[in-house]
């Protein structure tokens, strides 16, 4: 597994009228587990796993407060641990951004320049 920011907390946002405010829900992730195959979208972690991860932040949190949110496949380059940023040779207006995960989101404004 490549280096990442690890499991972290992210607030959600809600629209109230014309304003966007921080909501009551907090999501946590990513929690990587190796898939069985290319089409494996199963939830392999139980709610207890997440409760243990955030208990120090939310001491009053109970198991019934947690619900599984989503699962998906996170594409990664095998044995290559950097971003690939290259112009497509055929379509010159297209720039391929490959292997950009969490650190790339932090660098997205610099990449756009």
C-alpha atoms as a PDB file:
ATOM      1  CA  UNK A   1       0.000   0.000   0.000  1.00  0.00           C
ATOM      2  CA  UNK A   2       1.264   3.461  -0.814  1.00  0.00           C
ATOM      3  CA  UNK A   3       1.674   6.135   1.810  1.00  0.00           C
ATOM      4  CA  UNK A   4      -1.453   8.161   2.484  1.00  0.00           C
ATOM      5  CA  UNK A   5      -2.886  10.586   4.989  1.00  0.00           C
ATOM      6  CA  UNK A   6      -4.489   7.592   6.666  1.00  0.00           C
ATOM      7  CA  UNK A   7      -7.912   7.434   8.208  1.00  0.00           C
ATOM      8  CA  UNK A   8      -9.201  10.931   8.866  1.00  0.00           C
ATOM      9  CA  UNK A   9     -12.401  12.757   9.784  1.00  0.00           C
ATOM     10  CA  UNK A  10     -14.266  14.972   7.303  1.00  0.00           C
ATOM     11  CA  UNK A  11     -17.247  17.183   8.133  1.00  0.00           C
ATOM     12  CA  UNK A  12     -20.263  17.141   5.850  1.00  0.00           C
ATOM     13  CA  UNK A  13     -22.043  20.249   4.617  1.00  0.00           C
ATOM     14  CA  UNK A  14     -25.732  21.065   4.423  1.00  0.00           C
ATOM     15  CA  UNK A  15     -27.510  23.754   2.465  1.00  0.00           C
ATOM     16  CA  UNK A  16     -29.750  25.985   4.578  1.00  0.00           C
ATOM     17  CA  UNK A  17     -31.454  28.569   2.439  1.00  0.00           C
ATOM     18  CA  UNK A  18     -28.731  30.185   0.373  1.00  0.00           C
ATOM     19  CA  UNK A  19     -25.965  29.262   2.816  1.00  0.00           C
ATOM     20  CA  UNK A  20     -23.843  26.164   3.108  1.00  0.00           C
ATOM     21  CA  UNK A  21     -23.084  25.214   6.720  1.00  0.00           C
ATOM     22  CA  UNK A  22     -21.206  22.420   8.465  1.00  0.00           C
ATOM     23  CA  UNK A  23     -23.664  19.570   9.041  1.00  0.00           C
ATOM     24  CA  UNK A  24     -24.226  17.205  11.941  1.00  0.00           C
ATOM     25  CA  UNK A  25     -22.586  14.222  10.219  1.00  0.00           C
ATOM     26  CA  UNK A  26     -18.871  13.422  10.159  1.00  0.00           C
ATOM     27  CA  UNK A  27     -17.460  10.848   7.751  1.00  0.00           C
ATOM     28  CA  UNK A  28     -14.315   8.845   8.365  1.00  0.00           C
ATOM     29  CA  UNK A  29     -12.035   7.168   5.894  1.00  0.00           C
ATOM     30  CA  UNK A  30     -10.423   5.862   3.882  1.00  0.00           C
ATOM     31  CA  UNK A  31     -10.073   2.454   5.490  1.00  0.00           C
ATOM     32  CA  UNK A  32      -8.178   0.425   2.917  1.00  0.00           C
ATOM     33  CA  UNK A  33      -8.585  -3.313   2.625  1.00  0.00           C
ATOM     34  CA  UNK A  34      -7.342  -5.453  -0.220  1.00  0.00           C
ATOM     35  CA  UNK A  35     -10.206  -6.399  -2.567  1.00  0.00           C
ATOM     36  CA  UNK A  36     -10.842  -9.991  -3.583  1.00  0.00           C
ATOM     37  CA  UNK A  37     -11.083  -9.000  -7.262  1.00  0.00           C
ATOM     38  CA  UNK A  38     -11.649  -6.022  -9.579  1.00  0.00           C
ATOM     39  CA  UNK A  39     -15.394  -5.892  -8.882  1.00  0.00           C
ATOM     40  CA  UNK A  40     -15.259  -6.266  -5.082  1.00  0.00           C
ATOM     41  CA  UNK A  41     -17.260  -3.431  -3.493  1.00  0.00           C
ATOM     42  CA  UNK A  42     -17.973  -5.267  -0.252  1.00  0.00           C
ATOM     43  CA  UNK A  43     -17.881  -3.625   3.168  1.00  0.00           C
ATOM     44  CA  UNK A  44     -15.231  -5.657   4.974  1.00  0.00           C
ATOM     45  CA  UNK A  45     -14.905  -3.467   8.043  1.00  0.00           C
ATOM     46  CA  UNK A  46     -17.508  -3.619  10.789  1.00  0.00           C
ATOM     47  CA  UNK A  47     -18.828  -0.614  12.720  1.00  0.00           C
ATOM     48  CA  UNK A  48     -16.668  -1.604  15.739  1.00  0.00           C
ATOM     49  CA  UNK A  49     -13.523  -0.926  13.682  1.00  0.00           C
ATOM     50  CA  UNK A  50     -14.591   2.679  13.106  1.00  0.00           C
ATOM     51  CA  UNK A  51     -15.752   3.176  16.682  1.00  0.00           C
ATOM     52  CA  UNK A  52     -12.312   2.140  17.944  1.00  0.00           C
ATOM     53  CA  UNK A  53     -10.617   4.527  15.475  1.00  0.00           C
ATOM     54  CA  UNK A  54     -12.541   7.635  16.607  1.00  0.00           C
ATOM     55  CA  UNK A  55     -13.267   6.921  20.265  1.00  0.00           C
ATOM     56  CA  UNK A  56     -10.553   9.353  21.424  1.00  0.00           C
ATOM     57  CA  UNK A  57     -12.154  12.191  19.389  1.00  0.00           C
ATOM     58  CA  UNK A  58     -15.744  11.361  20.374  1.00  0.00           C
ATOM     59  CA  UNK A  59     -15.735   9.680  23.816  1.00  0.00           C
ATOM     60  CA  UNK A  60     -19.556   9.680  23.997  1.00  0.00           C
ATOM     61  CA  UNK A  61     -20.000   7.959  20.631  1.00  0.00           C
ATOM     62  CA  UNK A  62     -21.891   4.655  20.703  1.00  0.00           C
ATOM     63  CA  UNK A  63     -21.981   1.812  18.206  1.00  0.00           C
ATOM     64  CA  UNK A  64     -25.571   2.685  17.242  1.00  0.00           C
ATOM     65  CA  UNK A  65     -24.386   6.174  16.204  1.00  0.00           C
ATOM     66  CA  UNK A  66     -22.287   4.679  13.395  1.00  0.00           C
ATOM     67  CA  UNK A  67     -23.535   3.599   9.984  1.00  0.00           C
ATOM     68  CA  UNK A  68     -21.479   2.327   7.076  1.00  0.00           C
ATOM     69  CA  UNK A  69     -21.352   5.041   4.447  1.00  0.00           C
ATOM     70  CA  UNK A  70     -19.881   3.776   1.195  1.00  0.00           C
ATOM     71  CA  UNK A  71     -17.413   1.406  -0.361  1.00  0.00           C
ATOM     72  CA  UNK A  72     -15.557   1.734  -3.599  1.00  0.00           C
ATOM     73  CA  UNK A  73     -12.471   0.877  -5.543  1.00  0.00           C
ATOM     74  CA  UNK A  74      -9.561   3.287  -5.296  1.00  0.00           C
ATOM     75  CA  UNK A  75      -7.394   2.963  -8.379  1.00  0.00           C
ATOM     76  CA  UNK A  76      -3.639   3.008  -7.784  1.00  0.00           C
ATOM     77  CA  UNK A  77      -0.572   2.524  -9.897  1.00  0.00           C
ATOM     78  CA  UNK A  78       1.295  -0.671  -9.110  1.00  0.00           C
ATOM     79  CA  UNK A  79       4.912  -0.205  -7.988  1.00  0.00           C
ATOM     80  CA  UNK A  80       4.901   3.502  -8.893  1.00  0.00           C
ATOM     81  CA  UNK A  81       4.638   5.993  -6.045  1.00  0.00           C
ATOM     82  CA  UNK A  82       4.430   9.388  -7.712  1.00  0.00           C
ATOM     83  CA  UNK A  83       1.948  11.315  -9.851  1.00  0.00           C
ATOM     84  CA  UNK A  84       1.986  11.116 -13.620  1.00  0.00           C
ATOM     85  CA  UNK A  85       1.079  14.423 -15.255  1.00  0.00           C
ATOM     86  CA  UNK A  86       1.374  14.300 -19.032  1.00  0.00           C
ATOM     87  CA  UNK A  87      -0.244  15.796 -22.096  1.00  0.00           C
ATOM     88  CA  UNK A  88      -2.001  13.249 -24.297  1.00  0.00           C
ATOM     89  CA  UNK A  89      -0.024  12.826 -27.551  1.00  0.00           C
ATOM     90  CA  UNK A  90      -3.166  12.508 -29.690  1.00  0.00           C
ATOM     91  CA  UNK A  91      -5.493  15.007 -27.976  1.00  0.00           C
ATOM     92  CA  UNK A  92      -3.292  17.966 -27.077  1.00  0.00           C
ATOM     93  CA  UNK A  93      -5.993  19.683 -25.000  1.00  0.00           C
ATOM     94  CA  UNK A  94      -6.155  16.638 -22.714  1.00  0.00           C
ATOM     95  CA  UNK A  95      -3.806  16.304 -19.756  1.00  0.00           C
ATOM     96  CA  UNK A  96      -3.681  12.914 -18.052  1.00  0.00           C
ATOM     97  CA  UNK A  97      -3.457  13.022 -14.251  1.00  0.00           C
ATOM     98  CA  UNK A  98      -2.689   9.487 -13.103  1.00  0.00           C
ATOM     99  CA  UNK A  99      -2.133   8.152  -9.602  1.00  0.00           C
ATOM    100  CA  UNK A 100      -3.240  11.342  -7.870  1.00  0.00           C
ATOM    101  CA  UNK A 101      -4.842  10.515  -4.547  1.00  0.00           C
ATOM    102  CA  UNK A 102      -5.087  12.405  -1.260  1.00  0.00           C
ATOM    103  CA  UNK A 103      -1.775  14.353  -1.466  1.00  0.00           C
ATOM    104  CA  UNK A 104      -2.693  15.332  -5.007  1.00  0.00           C
ATOM    105  CA  UNK A 105      -5.875  16.953  -3.778  1.00  0.00           C
ATOM    106  CA  UNK A 106      -3.751  19.150  -1.530  1.00  0.00           C
ATOM    107  CA  UNK A 107      -1.549  19.997  -4.512  1.00  0.00           C
ATOM    108  CA  UNK A 108      -4.458  20.432  -6.958  1.00  0.00           C
ATOM    109  CA  UNK A 109      -4.170  24.215  -7.298  1.00  0.00           C
ATOM    110  CA  UNK A 110      -0.453  23.972  -8.073  1.00  0.00           C
ATOM    111  CA  UNK A 111      -1.097  21.113 -10.517  1.00  0.00           C
ATOM    112  CA  UNK A 112      -3.765  23.201 -12.274  1.00  0.00           C
ATOM    113  CA  UNK A 113      -1.271  26.035 -12.821  1.00  0.00           C
END
